């Protein structure tokens, strides 16, 4: 049975099914809107055709709902968990997260999954009766136990030793499938990787039906159909595995290995491409400089943040403020702090 109780008495919750209300509160939140201008892989300012953290979130939510319903689970819960799973992501993607975590050494660290819970339980506060969005326990438990090979759950009262709701596992898996496929598409469109380089990726070799050799621009018309075929195969494998002897919500061992080929290819050929490494290096320097300025002089932050320093510490409050920034706002704030030609 879904755990639809809420942490706080909620006079605004009447008249709508619990998970529909959760979805509404998530997509109306300021943190959700800001995802539009936060990096997925390519900095949000690099172009209008690359994924942002918001479009990534929407793709994960769509896939999570479809997978959950295919498995006879709650599509509403899987979708809500997916919509909220990256609300705590800072600007500049994982580079920004690594920089904040380094800045927070000795002050509790920074991890975007744990921060997503902080966003929905504390930082968002659209209602006067309580802080946070007051989401159902089911959604919050999915967030508290969100886990992929890149994301590990942090300490939280909902870490009770029990597994996450199955819909949470579906959202985790949808996250993994979505980012692998859309990062592949974006990397190809950016020209940082070429189809001819992908002979080691068996999923791609089987799915690609474009011209061979895949040179010039003729392969582009075959790209989306190939991505769709890979996704269909992955989804069918998850559904078949869940109906098999293990009934686990997971890829089969063979398909997991083959998806791992794609992930390894992206790691070595896209994520470590010098163009992205250079941008990540810049982003980390910007985040560290802004954090150091705030931590040393909290009154540089808006008053509603600076007023919390006495109870929560300058480091945590600075991390809260920076994590909520978009790429663009963080760049502009860095300029306002350090460029004497900019107005404060």
C-alpha atoms as a PDB file:
ATOM      1  CA  UNK A   1       0.000   0.000   0.000  1.00  0.00           C
ATOM      2  CA  UNK A   2       1.291   3.455  -0.927  1.00  0.00           C
ATOM      3  CA  UNK A   3       2.362   5.598   2.005  1.00  0.00           C
ATOM      4  CA  UNK A   4       0.420   8.788   1.361  1.00  0.00           C
ATOM      5  CA  UNK A   5       0.742  10.372   4.813  1.00  0.00           C
ATOM      6  CA  UNK A   6       2.415  13.777   5.027  1.00  0.00           C
ATOM      7  CA  UNK A   7       4.870  15.104   7.585  1.00  0.00           C
ATOM      8  CA  UNK A   8       2.790  18.179   8.490  1.00  0.00           C
ATOM      9  CA  UNK A   9      -0.905  18.886   8.918  1.00  0.00           C
ATOM     10  CA  UNK A  10      -1.853  20.378   5.559  1.00  0.00           C
ATOM     11  CA  UNK A  11      -4.937  22.548   5.115  1.00  0.00           C
ATOM     12  CA  UNK A  12      -4.108  22.927   1.400  1.00  0.00           C
ATOM     13  CA  UNK A  13      -4.137  19.202   0.545  1.00  0.00           C
ATOM     14  CA  UNK A  14      -7.870  18.618   0.274  1.00  0.00           C
ATOM     15  CA  UNK A  15      -9.621  18.020  -3.035  1.00  0.00           C
ATOM     16  CA  UNK A  16      -6.854  16.326  -5.005  1.00  0.00           C
ATOM     17  CA  UNK A  17      -5.464  12.755  -4.995  1.00  0.00           C
ATOM     18  CA  UNK A  18      -2.240  12.634  -2.934  1.00  0.00           C
ATOM     19  CA  UNK A  19       0.215  11.822  -5.723  1.00  0.00           C
ATOM     20  CA  UNK A  20      -1.420  14.246  -8.146  1.00  0.00           C
ATOM     21  CA  UNK A  21      -0.939  16.943  -5.511  1.00  0.00           C
ATOM     22  CA  UNK A  22       2.712  15.929  -5.080  1.00  0.00           C
ATOM     23  CA  UNK A  23       3.255  16.221  -8.829  1.00  0.00           C
ATOM     24  CA  UNK A  24       1.588  19.635  -8.899  1.00  0.00           C
ATOM     25  CA  UNK A  25       3.710  20.945  -6.038  1.00  0.00           C
ATOM     26  CA  UNK A  26       6.931  19.667  -7.600  1.00  0.00           C
ATOM     27  CA  UNK A  27       6.375  21.170 -11.049  1.00  0.00           C
ATOM     28  CA  UNK A  28       5.192  24.482  -9.544  1.00  0.00           C
ATOM     29  CA  UNK A  29       8.268  24.787  -7.329  1.00  0.00           C
ATOM     30  CA  UNK A  30      10.955  27.387  -7.941  1.00  0.00           C
ATOM     31  CA  UNK A  31      13.602  24.645  -7.828  1.00  0.00           C
ATOM     32  CA  UNK A  32      11.894  22.825 -10.704  1.00  0.00           C
ATOM     33  CA  UNK A  33      11.685  25.956 -12.854  1.00  0.00           C
ATOM     34  CA  UNK A  34      15.384  26.644 -12.372  1.00  0.00           C
ATOM     35  CA  UNK A  35      16.291  23.226 -13.805  1.00  0.00           C
ATOM     36  CA  UNK A  36      15.685  24.738 -17.243  1.00  0.00           C
ATOM     37  CA  UNK A  37      18.974  26.641 -16.998  1.00  0.00           C
ATOM     38  CA  UNK A  38      21.137  24.064 -15.245  1.00  0.00           C
ATOM     39  CA  UNK A  39      23.699  21.887 -16.997  1.00  0.00           C
ATOM     40  CA  UNK A  40      23.077  18.277 -17.912  1.00  0.00           C
ATOM     41  CA  UNK A  41      26.327  17.643 -19.829  1.00  0.00           C
ATOM     42  CA  UNK A  42      26.676  20.757 -21.960  1.00  0.00           C
ATOM     43  CA  UNK A  43      26.497  24.078 -20.125  1.00  0.00           C
ATOM     44  CA  UNK A  44      22.991  25.479 -20.538  1.00  0.00           C
ATOM     45  CA  UNK A  45      24.405  28.531 -22.329  1.00  0.00           C
ATOM     46  CA  UNK A  46      26.114  26.430 -25.030  1.00  0.00           C
ATOM     47  CA  UNK A  47      23.065  26.052 -27.256  1.00  0.00           C
ATOM     48  CA  UNK A  48      19.308  25.615 -27.387  1.00  0.00           C
ATOM     49  CA  UNK A  49      19.297  22.027 -28.659  1.00  0.00           C
ATOM     50  CA  UNK A  50      21.178  20.253 -25.869  1.00  0.00           C
ATOM     51  CA  UNK A  51      19.515  18.689 -22.851  1.00  0.00           C
ATOM     52  CA  UNK A  52      19.296  20.731 -19.712  1.00  0.00           C
ATOM     53  CA  UNK A  53      18.679  19.383 -16.227  1.00  0.00           C
ATOM     54  CA  UNK A  54      14.954  20.033 -16.802  1.00  0.00           C
ATOM     55  CA  UNK A  55      14.661  18.174 -20.103  1.00  0.00           C
ATOM     56  CA  UNK A  56      16.641  15.322 -18.543  1.00  0.00           C
ATOM     57  CA  UNK A  57      14.143  15.280 -15.673  1.00  0.00           C
ATOM     58  CA  UNK A  58      11.157  15.225 -18.041  1.00  0.00           C
ATOM     59  CA  UNK A  59      12.634  12.348 -20.042  1.00  0.00           C
ATOM     60  CA  UNK A  60      13.295  10.379 -16.853  1.00  0.00           C
ATOM     61  CA  UNK A  61       9.756  11.048 -15.607  1.00  0.00           C
ATOM     62  CA  UNK A  62       8.203   9.914 -18.889  1.00  0.00           C
ATOM     63  CA  UNK A  63      10.256   6.734 -18.956  1.00  0.00           C
ATOM     64  CA  UNK A  64       9.677   6.021 -15.252  1.00  0.00           C
ATOM     65  CA  UNK A  65       5.912   6.267 -15.620  1.00  0.00           C
ATOM     66  CA  UNK A  66       5.898   4.050 -18.713  1.00  0.00           C
ATOM     67  CA  UNK A  67       8.120   1.439 -17.048  1.00  0.00           C
ATOM     68  CA  UNK A  68       6.112   1.439 -13.825  1.00  0.00           C
ATOM     69  CA  UNK A  69       2.804   0.972 -15.619  1.00  0.00           C
ATOM     70  CA  UNK A  70       4.323  -1.776 -17.782  1.00  0.00           C
ATOM     71  CA  UNK A  71       5.278  -3.558 -14.544  1.00  0.00           C
ATOM     72  CA  UNK A  72       1.868  -3.100 -12.907  1.00  0.00           C
ATOM     73  CA  UNK A  73       3.150  -0.473 -10.452  1.00  0.00           C
ATOM     74  CA  UNK A  74       2.054   3.088  -9.696  1.00  0.00           C
ATOM     75  CA  UNK A  75       3.003   5.258 -12.636  1.00  0.00           C
ATOM     76  CA  UNK A  76       2.041   8.334 -10.600  1.00  0.00           C
ATOM     77  CA  UNK A  77       4.535   7.548  -7.833  1.00  0.00           C
ATOM     78  CA  UNK A  78       7.373   6.694 -10.218  1.00  0.00           C
ATOM     79  CA  UNK A  79       6.743   9.892 -12.187  1.00  0.00           C
ATOM     80  CA  UNK A  80       6.601  12.094  -9.075  1.00  0.00           C
ATOM     81  CA  UNK A  81       9.840  10.607  -7.728  1.00  0.00           C
ATOM     82  CA  UNK A  82      11.526  11.171 -11.091  1.00  0.00           C
ATOM     83  CA  UNK A  83      10.294  14.769 -11.336  1.00  0.00           C
ATOM     84  CA  UNK A  84      11.828  15.539  -7.930  1.00  0.00           C
ATOM     85  CA  UNK A  85      15.022  13.498  -8.154  1.00  0.00           C
ATOM     86  CA  UNK A  86      17.285  16.329  -9.397  1.00  0.00           C
ATOM     87  CA  UNK A  87      15.730  19.340  -7.634  1.00  0.00           C
ATOM     88  CA  UNK A  88      18.882  19.577  -5.510  1.00  0.00           C
ATOM     89  CA  UNK A  89      21.346  19.643  -8.402  1.00  0.00           C
ATOM     90  CA  UNK A  90      23.620  22.713  -8.366  1.00  0.00           C
ATOM     91  CA  UNK A  91      24.657  24.697 -11.459  1.00  0.00           C
ATOM     92  CA  UNK A  92      27.187  23.237 -13.919  1.00  0.00           C
ATOM     93  CA  UNK A  93      26.159  19.610 -13.438  1.00  0.00           C
ATOM     94  CA  UNK A  94      28.437  17.174 -11.671  1.00  0.00           C
ATOM     95  CA  UNK A  95      31.365  19.609 -11.855  1.00  0.00           C
ATOM     96  CA  UNK A  96      29.391  22.055  -9.730  1.00  0.00           C
ATOM     97  CA  UNK A  97      28.440  19.262  -7.352  1.00  0.00           C
ATOM     98  CA  UNK A  98      32.059  18.142  -6.921  1.00  0.00           C
ATOM     99  CA  UNK A  99      33.153  21.714  -6.259  1.00  0.00           C
ATOM    100  CA  UNK A 100      30.472  22.235  -3.599  1.00  0.00           C
ATOM    101  CA  UNK A 101      31.313  18.919  -1.964  1.00  0.00           C
ATOM    102  CA  UNK A 102      34.978  19.946  -1.739  1.00  0.00           C
ATOM    103  CA  UNK A 103      33.979  23.319  -0.302  1.00  0.00           C
ATOM    104  CA  UNK A 104      31.832  21.552   2.297  1.00  0.00           C
ATOM    105  CA  UNK A 105      34.606  19.254   3.554  1.00  0.00           C
ATOM    106  CA  UNK A 106      34.317  19.267   7.323  1.00  0.00           C
ATOM    107  CA  UNK A 107      30.814  20.775   7.152  1.00  0.00           C
ATOM    108  CA  UNK A 108      28.792  17.747   6.130  1.00  0.00           C
ATOM    109  CA  UNK A 109      29.690  17.589   2.452  1.00  0.00           C
ATOM    110  CA  UNK A 110      27.314  18.143  -0.448  1.00  0.00           C
ATOM    111  CA  UNK A 111      25.468  15.488  -2.430  1.00  0.00           C
ATOM    112  CA  UNK A 112      22.684  16.438  -4.801  1.00  0.00           C
ATOM    113  CA  UNK A 113      20.337  13.594  -3.865  1.00  0.00           C
ATOM    114  CA  UNK A 114      20.464  14.502  -0.195  1.00  0.00           C
ATOM    115  CA  UNK A 115      20.008  18.125  -1.200  1.00  0.00           C
ATOM    116  CA  UNK A 116      16.897  17.258  -3.241  1.00  0.00           C
ATOM    117  CA  UNK A 117      15.324  16.119   0.023  1.00  0.00           C
ATOM    118  CA  UNK A 118      16.451  19.332   1.702  1.00  0.00           C
ATOM    119  CA  UNK A 119      14.748  21.258  -1.096  1.00  0.00           C
ATOM    120  CA  UNK A 120      11.382  19.500  -0.766  1.00  0.00           C
ATOM    121  CA  UNK A 121      11.469  19.279   3.046  1.00  0.00           C
ATOM    122  CA  UNK A 122      12.875  22.682   3.963  1.00  0.00           C
ATOM    123  CA  UNK A 123      14.149  25.128   1.352  1.00  0.00           C
ATOM    124  CA  UNK A 124      10.954  25.415  -0.676  1.00  0.00           C
ATOM    125  CA  UNK A 125       8.293  27.061   1.484  1.00  0.00           C
ATOM    126  CA  UNK A 126       5.276  28.240  -0.516  1.00  0.00           C
ATOM    127  CA  UNK A 127       2.843  27.732   2.372  1.00  0.00           C
ATOM    128  CA  UNK A 128       2.901  29.690   5.646  1.00  0.00           C
ATOM    129  CA  UNK A 129       1.935  26.734   7.846  1.00  0.00           C
ATOM    130  CA  UNK A 130       5.071  24.662   7.212  1.00  0.00           C
ATOM    131  CA  UNK A 131       8.415  24.634   5.413  1.00  0.00           C
ATOM    132  CA  UNK A 132       8.914  22.401   2.424  1.00  0.00           C
ATOM    133  CA  UNK A 133       6.417  21.010  -0.057  1.00  0.00           C
ATOM    134  CA  UNK A 134       5.010  18.478   2.428  1.00  0.00           C
ATOM    135  CA  UNK A 135       5.126  15.637  -0.095  1.00  0.00           C
ATOM    136  CA  UNK A 136       3.819  12.173   0.711  1.00  0.00           C
ATOM    137  CA  UNK A 137       6.069   9.777   2.550  1.00  0.00           C
ATOM    138  CA  UNK A 138       6.154   7.519  -0.528  1.00  0.00           C
ATOM    139  CA  UNK A 139       7.767  10.186  -2.732  1.00  0.00           C
ATOM    140  CA  UNK A 140      10.173  11.312  -0.017  1.00  0.00           C
ATOM    141  CA  UNK A 141      11.215   7.713   0.620  1.00  0.00           C
ATOM    142  CA  UNK A 142      11.975   7.234  -3.079  1.00  0.00           C
ATOM    143  CA  UNK A 143      14.195  10.324  -2.928  1.00  0.00           C
ATOM    144  CA  UNK A 144      15.886   9.267   0.318  1.00  0.00           C
ATOM    145  CA  UNK A 145      16.788   5.898  -1.200  1.00  0.00           C
ATOM    146  CA  UNK A 146      17.578   7.028  -4.766  1.00  0.00           C
ATOM    147  CA  UNK A 147      20.610   5.035  -5.864  1.00  0.00           C
ATOM    148  CA  UNK A 148      22.474   4.555  -9.154  1.00  0.00           C
ATOM    149  CA  UNK A 149      26.122   3.884  -9.919  1.00  0.00           C
ATOM    150  CA  UNK A 150      26.681   7.661  -9.730  1.00  0.00           C
ATOM    151  CA  UNK A 151      24.180   8.465  -6.965  1.00  0.00           C
ATOM    152  CA  UNK A 152      24.329   7.113  -3.433  1.00  0.00           C
ATOM    153  CA  UNK A 153      21.664   7.807  -0.809  1.00  0.00           C
ATOM    154  CA  UNK A 154      22.719   9.969   2.112  1.00  0.00           C
ATOM    155  CA  UNK A 155      21.833   9.715   5.782  1.00  0.00           C
ATOM    156  CA  UNK A 156      18.191  10.554   6.459  1.00  0.00           C
ATOM    157  CA  UNK A 157      15.469   9.451   8.912  1.00  0.00           C
ATOM    158  CA  UNK A 158      13.752   7.637   6.023  1.00  0.00           C
ATOM    159  CA  UNK A 159      16.870   5.480   5.645  1.00  0.00           C
ATOM    160  CA  UNK A 160      15.268   2.740   7.726  1.00  0.00           C
ATOM    161  CA  UNK A 161      17.079  -0.298   6.378  1.00  0.00           C
ATOM    162  CA  UNK A 162      14.176  -1.302   4.154  1.00  0.00           C
ATOM    163  CA  UNK A 163      14.379  -1.243   0.350  1.00  0.00           C
ATOM    164  CA  UNK A 164      12.857   1.695  -1.503  1.00  0.00           C
ATOM    165  CA  UNK A 165       9.339   1.422  -2.894  1.00  0.00           C
ATOM    166  CA  UNK A 166       9.524  -0.480  -6.183  1.00  0.00           C
ATOM    167  CA  UNK A 167       8.510   2.700  -7.977  1.00  0.00           C
ATOM    168  CA  UNK A 168      11.630   4.330  -6.566  1.00  0.00           C
ATOM    169  CA  UNK A 169      13.732   1.572  -8.083  1.00  0.00           C
ATOM    170  CA  UNK A 170      11.937   2.169 -11.394  1.00  0.00           C
ATOM    171  CA  UNK A 171      12.787   5.892 -11.216  1.00  0.00           C
ATOM    172  CA  UNK A 172      16.439   5.032 -10.486  1.00  0.00           C
ATOM    173  CA  UNK A 173      16.590   2.734 -13.484  1.00  0.00           C
ATOM    174  CA  UNK A 174      14.821   5.242 -15.735  1.00  0.00           C
ATOM    175  CA  UNK A 175      17.438   7.820 -14.702  1.00  0.00           C
ATOM    176  CA  UNK A 176      20.233   5.525 -15.813  1.00  0.00           C
ATOM    177  CA  UNK A 177      18.614   4.604 -19.125  1.00  0.00           C
ATOM    178  CA  UNK A 178      17.625   8.168 -20.002  1.00  0.00           C
ATOM    179  CA  UNK A 179      20.949   9.861 -19.372  1.00  0.00           C
ATOM    180  CA  UNK A 180      22.931   7.243 -21.266  1.00  0.00           C
ATOM    181  CA  UNK A 181      20.762   7.594 -24.365  1.00  0.00           C
ATOM    182  CA  UNK A 182      20.273  11.355 -24.393  1.00  0.00           C
ATOM    183  CA  UNK A 183      23.934  12.044 -23.614  1.00  0.00           C
ATOM    184  CA  UNK A 184      24.804   9.841 -26.602  1.00  0.00           C
ATOM    185  CA  UNK A 185      22.482  11.845 -28.825  1.00  0.00           C
ATOM    186  CA  UNK A 186      23.784  15.191 -27.573  1.00  0.00           C
ATOM    187  CA  UNK A 187      27.409  14.110 -27.917  1.00  0.00           C
ATOM    188  CA  UNK A 188      26.815  13.033 -31.521  1.00  0.00           C
ATOM    189  CA  UNK A 189      24.971  16.258 -32.354  1.00  0.00           C
ATOM    190  CA  UNK A 190      27.808  18.298 -30.818  1.00  0.00           C
ATOM    191  CA  UNK A 191      30.367  16.483 -32.935  1.00  0.00           C
ATOM    192  CA  UNK A 192      32.394  15.409 -29.910  1.00  0.00           C
ATOM    193  CA  UNK A 193      31.846  11.773 -30.812  1.00  0.00           C
ATOM    194  CA  UNK A 194      31.281  10.163 -34.209  1.00  0.00           C
ATOM    195  CA  UNK A 195      29.141   7.123 -35.137  1.00  0.00           C
ATOM    196  CA  UNK A 196      32.166   5.478 -36.727  1.00  0.00           C
ATOM    197  CA  UNK A 197      33.852   5.410 -33.293  1.00  0.00           C
ATOM    198  CA  UNK A 198      31.099   3.278 -31.757  1.00  0.00           C
ATOM    199  CA  UNK A 199      32.034  -0.144 -33.085  1.00  0.00           C
ATOM    200  CA  UNK A 200      32.630  -1.344 -29.504  1.00  0.00           C
ATOM    201  CA  UNK A 201      29.044  -0.554 -28.449  1.00  0.00           C
ATOM    202  CA  UNK A 202      26.958  -3.569 -29.413  1.00  0.00           C
ATOM    203  CA  UNK A 203      23.608  -1.888 -28.668  1.00  0.00           C
ATOM    204  CA  UNK A 204      24.480   0.847 -31.154  1.00  0.00           C
ATOM    205  CA  UNK A 205      25.812  -1.551 -33.801  1.00  0.00           C
ATOM    206  CA  UNK A 206      22.545  -3.516 -33.729  1.00  0.00           C
ATOM    207  CA  UNK A 207      20.265  -0.471 -33.679  1.00  0.00           C
ATOM    208  CA  UNK A 208      21.945   1.796 -36.237  1.00  0.00           C
ATOM    209  CA  UNK A 209      20.501   1.415 -39.738  1.00  0.00           C
ATOM    210  CA  UNK A 210      21.973   4.475 -41.396  1.00  0.00           C
ATOM    211  CA  UNK A 211      24.619   4.767 -44.119  1.00  0.00           C
ATOM    212  CA  UNK A 212      27.852   2.904 -43.653  1.00  0.00           C
ATOM    213  CA  UNK A 213      30.473   4.097 -43.163  1.00  0.00           C
ATOM    214  CA  UNK A 214      28.725   6.688 -40.996  1.00  0.00           C
ATOM    215  CA  UNK A 215      30.610   9.731 -42.162  1.00  0.00           C
ATOM    216  CA  UNK A 216      29.608  13.261 -43.145  1.00  0.00           C
ATOM    217  CA  UNK A 217      26.066  14.255 -42.188  1.00  0.00           C
ATOM    218  CA  UNK A 218      23.992  11.507 -43.806  1.00  0.00           C
ATOM    219  CA  UNK A 219      23.850   9.479 -40.582  1.00  0.00           C
ATOM    220  CA  UNK A 220      21.890  12.167 -38.704  1.00  0.00           C
ATOM    221  CA  UNK A 221      18.535  11.051 -40.092  1.00  0.00           C
ATOM    222  CA  UNK A 222      19.159   7.589 -38.671  1.00  0.00           C
ATOM    223  CA  UNK A 223      20.118   8.783 -35.186  1.00  0.00           C
ATOM    224  CA  UNK A 224      16.757   9.148 -33.438  1.00  0.00           C
ATOM    225  CA  UNK A 225      15.391   5.851 -34.819  1.00  0.00           C
ATOM    226  CA  UNK A 226      18.519   4.125 -33.501  1.00  0.00           C
ATOM    227  CA  UNK A 227      18.112   5.707 -30.049  1.00  0.00           C
ATOM    228  CA  UNK A 228      14.449   4.646 -30.009  1.00  0.00           C
ATOM    229  CA  UNK A 229      15.376   1.054 -30.870  1.00  0.00           C
ATOM    230  CA  UNK A 230      17.945   0.910 -28.066  1.00  0.00           C
ATOM    231  CA  UNK A 231      15.460   2.302 -25.546  1.00  0.00           C
ATOM    232  CA  UNK A 232      12.795  -0.172 -26.653  1.00  0.00           C
ATOM    233  CA  UNK A 233      15.187  -3.081 -26.218  1.00  0.00           C
ATOM    234  CA  UNK A 234      16.208  -1.892 -22.754  1.00  0.00           C
ATOM    235  CA  UNK A 235      12.600  -1.418 -21.618  1.00  0.00           C
ATOM    236  CA  UNK A 236      11.541  -4.803 -22.978  1.00  0.00           C
ATOM    237  CA  UNK A 237      14.458  -6.401 -21.138  1.00  0.00           C
ATOM    238  CA  UNK A 238      13.484  -4.803 -17.810  1.00  0.00           C
ATOM    239  CA  UNK A 239       9.873  -5.955 -18.171  1.00  0.00           C
ATOM    240  CA  UNK A 240      10.940  -9.482 -19.170  1.00  0.00           C
ATOM    241  CA  UNK A 241      13.392  -9.688 -16.263  1.00  0.00           C
ATOM    242  CA  UNK A 242      10.720  -8.613 -13.760  1.00  0.00           C
ATOM    243  CA  UNK A 243       8.476 -11.421 -15.001  1.00  0.00           C
ATOM    244  CA  UNK A 244      11.263 -13.988 -14.764  1.00  0.00           C
ATOM    245  CA  UNK A 245      12.560 -16.054 -11.829  1.00  0.00           C
ATOM    246  CA  UNK A 246      14.170 -13.126  -9.988  1.00  0.00           C
ATOM    247  CA  UNK A 247      11.233 -10.663 -10.405  1.00  0.00           C
ATOM    248  CA  UNK A 248      13.803  -7.901  -9.726  1.00  0.00           C
ATOM    249  CA  UNK A 249      13.348  -4.464 -11.270  1.00  0.00           C
ATOM    250  CA  UNK A 250      16.600  -4.492 -13.179  1.00  0.00           C
ATOM    251  CA  UNK A 251      18.179  -5.216 -16.503  1.00  0.00           C
ATOM    252  CA  UNK A 252      19.187  -8.777 -17.182  1.00  0.00           C
ATOM    253  CA  UNK A 253      22.904  -9.409 -16.541  1.00  0.00           C
ATOM    254  CA  UNK A 254      23.613  -9.549 -20.275  1.00  0.00           C
ATOM    255  CA  UNK A 255      21.761  -6.312 -21.045  1.00  0.00           C
ATOM    256  CA  UNK A 256      23.352  -4.626 -18.042  1.00  0.00           C
ATOM    257  CA  UNK A 257      26.748  -5.541 -19.476  1.00  0.00           C
ATOM    258  CA  UNK A 258      25.812  -4.172 -22.879  1.00  0.00           C
ATOM    259  CA  UNK A 259      24.509  -0.900 -21.439  1.00  0.00           C
ATOM    260  CA  UNK A 260      27.786  -0.754 -19.530  1.00  0.00           C
ATOM    261  CA  UNK A 261      29.602  -0.781 -22.889  1.00  0.00           C
ATOM    262  CA  UNK A 262      27.735   2.377 -23.880  1.00  0.00           C
ATOM    263  CA  UNK A 263      28.408   4.032 -20.519  1.00  0.00           C
ATOM    264  CA  UNK A 264      32.117   3.207 -20.721  1.00  0.00           C
ATOM    265  CA  UNK A 265      32.258   4.620 -24.253  1.00  0.00           C
ATOM    266  CA  UNK A 266      30.610   7.863 -23.098  1.00  0.00           C
ATOM    267  CA  UNK A 267      32.937   8.140 -20.118  1.00  0.00           C
ATOM    268  CA  UNK A 268      36.100   7.883 -22.190  1.00  0.00           C
ATOM    269  CA  UNK A 269      34.972   9.670 -25.357  1.00  0.00           C
ATOM    270  CA  UNK A 270      32.428  12.277 -24.238  1.00  0.00           C
ATOM    271  CA  UNK A 271      32.640  13.105 -20.535  1.00  0.00           C
ATOM    272  CA  UNK A 272      36.459  13.197 -20.697  1.00  0.00           C
ATOM    273  CA  UNK A 273      36.564  15.137 -23.966  1.00  0.00           C
ATOM    274  CA  UNK A 274      38.887  18.100 -23.539  1.00  0.00           C
ATOM    275  CA  UNK A 275      36.105  20.563 -24.411  1.00  0.00           C
ATOM    276  CA  UNK A 276      33.971  19.323 -21.503  1.00  0.00           C
ATOM    277  CA  UNK A 277      36.937  18.937 -19.155  1.00  0.00           C
ATOM    278  CA  UNK A 278      37.915  22.557 -19.782  1.00  0.00           C
ATOM    279  CA  UNK A 279      34.380  23.796 -19.099  1.00  0.00           C
ATOM    280  CA  UNK A 280      34.112  21.655 -15.963  1.00  0.00           C
ATOM    281  CA  UNK A 281      37.399  23.096 -14.706  1.00  0.00           C
ATOM    282  CA  UNK A 282      36.142  26.648 -15.221  1.00  0.00           C
ATOM    283  CA  UNK A 283      32.850  25.830 -13.525  1.00  0.00           C
ATOM    284  CA  UNK A 284      34.553  24.404 -10.450  1.00  0.00           C
ATOM    285  CA  UNK A 285      36.737  27.484 -10.067  1.00  0.00           C
ATOM    286  CA  UNK A 286      33.675  29.738 -10.323  1.00  0.00           C
ATOM    287  CA  UNK A 287      31.680  27.767  -7.734  1.00  0.00           C
ATOM    288  CA  UNK A 288      34.617  27.628  -5.297  1.00  0.00           C
ATOM    289  CA  UNK A 289      35.250  31.375  -5.585  1.00  0.00           C
ATOM    290  CA  UNK A 290      31.592  32.270  -5.013  1.00  0.00           C
ATOM    291  CA  UNK A 291      31.359  29.863  -2.072  1.00  0.00           C
ATOM    292  CA  UNK A 292      34.510  31.253  -0.437  1.00  0.00           C
ATOM    293  CA  UNK A 293      33.191  34.805  -0.765  1.00  0.00           C
ATOM    294  CA  UNK A 294      29.862  33.933   0.862  1.00  0.00           C
ATOM    295  CA  UNK A 295      31.392  31.820   3.617  1.00  0.00           C
ATOM    296  CA  UNK A 296      33.810  34.621   4.528  1.00  0.00           C
ATOM    297  CA  UNK A 297      31.194  37.368   4.338  1.00  0.00           C
ATOM    298  CA  UNK A 298      27.638  35.947   4.606  1.00  0.00           C
ATOM    299  CA  UNK A 299      26.036  39.363   4.209  1.00  0.00           C
ATOM    300  CA  UNK A 300      26.914  39.141   0.513  1.00  0.00           C
ATOM    301  CA  UNK A 301      23.950  36.734   0.294  1.00  0.00           C
ATOM    302  CA  UNK A 302      20.315  37.876   0.386  1.00  0.00           C
ATOM    303  CA  UNK A 303      19.101  38.616   3.888  1.00  0.00           C
ATOM    304  CA  UNK A 304      16.815  35.570   4.090  1.00  0.00           C
ATOM    305  CA  UNK A 305      19.936  33.408   3.708  1.00  0.00           C
ATOM    306  CA  UNK A 306      22.318  35.503   5.803  1.00  0.00           C
ATOM    307  CA  UNK A 307      19.826  35.420   8.700  1.00  0.00           C
ATOM    308  CA  UNK A 308      20.150  31.608   8.880  1.00  0.00           C
ATOM    309  CA  UNK A 309      23.935  31.615   9.313  1.00  0.00           C
ATOM    310  CA  UNK A 310      23.814  31.908  13.116  1.00  0.00           C
ATOM    311  CA  UNK A 311      21.779  28.704  13.420  1.00  0.00           C
ATOM    312  CA  UNK A 312      23.002  26.650  10.438  1.00  0.00           C
ATOM    313  CA  UNK A 313      26.532  27.875   9.745  1.00  0.00           C
ATOM    314  CA  UNK A 314      27.894  29.942   6.876  1.00  0.00           C
ATOM    315  CA  UNK A 315      29.059  26.916   4.878  1.00  0.00           C
ATOM    316  CA  UNK A 316      25.683  25.159   4.776  1.00  0.00           C
ATOM    317  CA  UNK A 317      23.786  28.339   3.991  1.00  0.00           C
ATOM    318  CA  UNK A 318      26.232  29.254   1.219  1.00  0.00           C
ATOM    319  CA  UNK A 319      25.843  25.758  -0.256  1.00  0.00           C
ATOM    320  CA  UNK A 320      22.046  26.099  -0.106  1.00  0.00           C
ATOM    321  CA  UNK A 321      22.160  29.395  -1.963  1.00  0.00           C
ATOM    322  CA  UNK A 322      24.648  28.291  -4.624  1.00  0.00           C
ATOM    323  CA  UNK A 323      22.896  24.958  -5.227  1.00  0.00           C
ATOM    324  CA  UNK A 324      19.734  26.843  -6.138  1.00  0.00           C
ATOM    325  CA  UNK A 325      21.466  28.947  -8.780  1.00  0.00           C
ATOM    326  CA  UNK A 326      21.212  28.416 -12.507  1.00  0.00           C
ATOM    327  CA  UNK A 327      24.375  28.360 -14.616  1.00  0.00           C
ATOM    328  CA  UNK A 328      23.635  31.871 -15.838  1.00  0.00           C
ATOM    329  CA  UNK A 329      22.934  33.315 -12.389  1.00  0.00           C
ATOM    330  CA  UNK A 330      26.103  31.782 -10.948  1.00  0.00           C
ATOM    331  CA  UNK A 331      28.208  33.238 -13.767  1.00  0.00           C
ATOM    332  CA  UNK A 332      26.635  36.659 -13.269  1.00  0.00           C
ATOM    333  CA  UNK A 333      27.059  36.471  -9.501  1.00  0.00           C
ATOM    334  CA  UNK A 334      30.732  35.618  -9.925  1.00  0.00           C
ATOM    335  CA  UNK A 335      31.119  38.690 -12.128  1.00  0.00           C
ATOM    336  CA  UNK A 336      29.265  40.898  -9.626  1.00  0.00           C
ATOM    337  CA  UNK A 337      31.476  39.673  -6.803  1.00  0.00           C
ATOM    338  CA  UNK A 338      34.848  39.944  -8.531  1.00  0.00           C
ATOM    339  CA  UNK A 339      34.623  42.280 -11.539  1.00  0.00           C
ATOM    340  CA  UNK A 340      34.880  45.913 -10.316  1.00  0.00           C
ATOM    341  CA  UNK A 341      33.188  47.071 -13.520  1.00  0.00           C
ATOM    342  CA  UNK A 342      29.977  45.258 -12.581  1.00  0.00           C
ATOM    343  CA  UNK A 343      27.354  46.824 -10.349  1.00  0.00           C
ATOM    344  CA  UNK A 344      26.976  44.948  -7.019  1.00  0.00           C
END
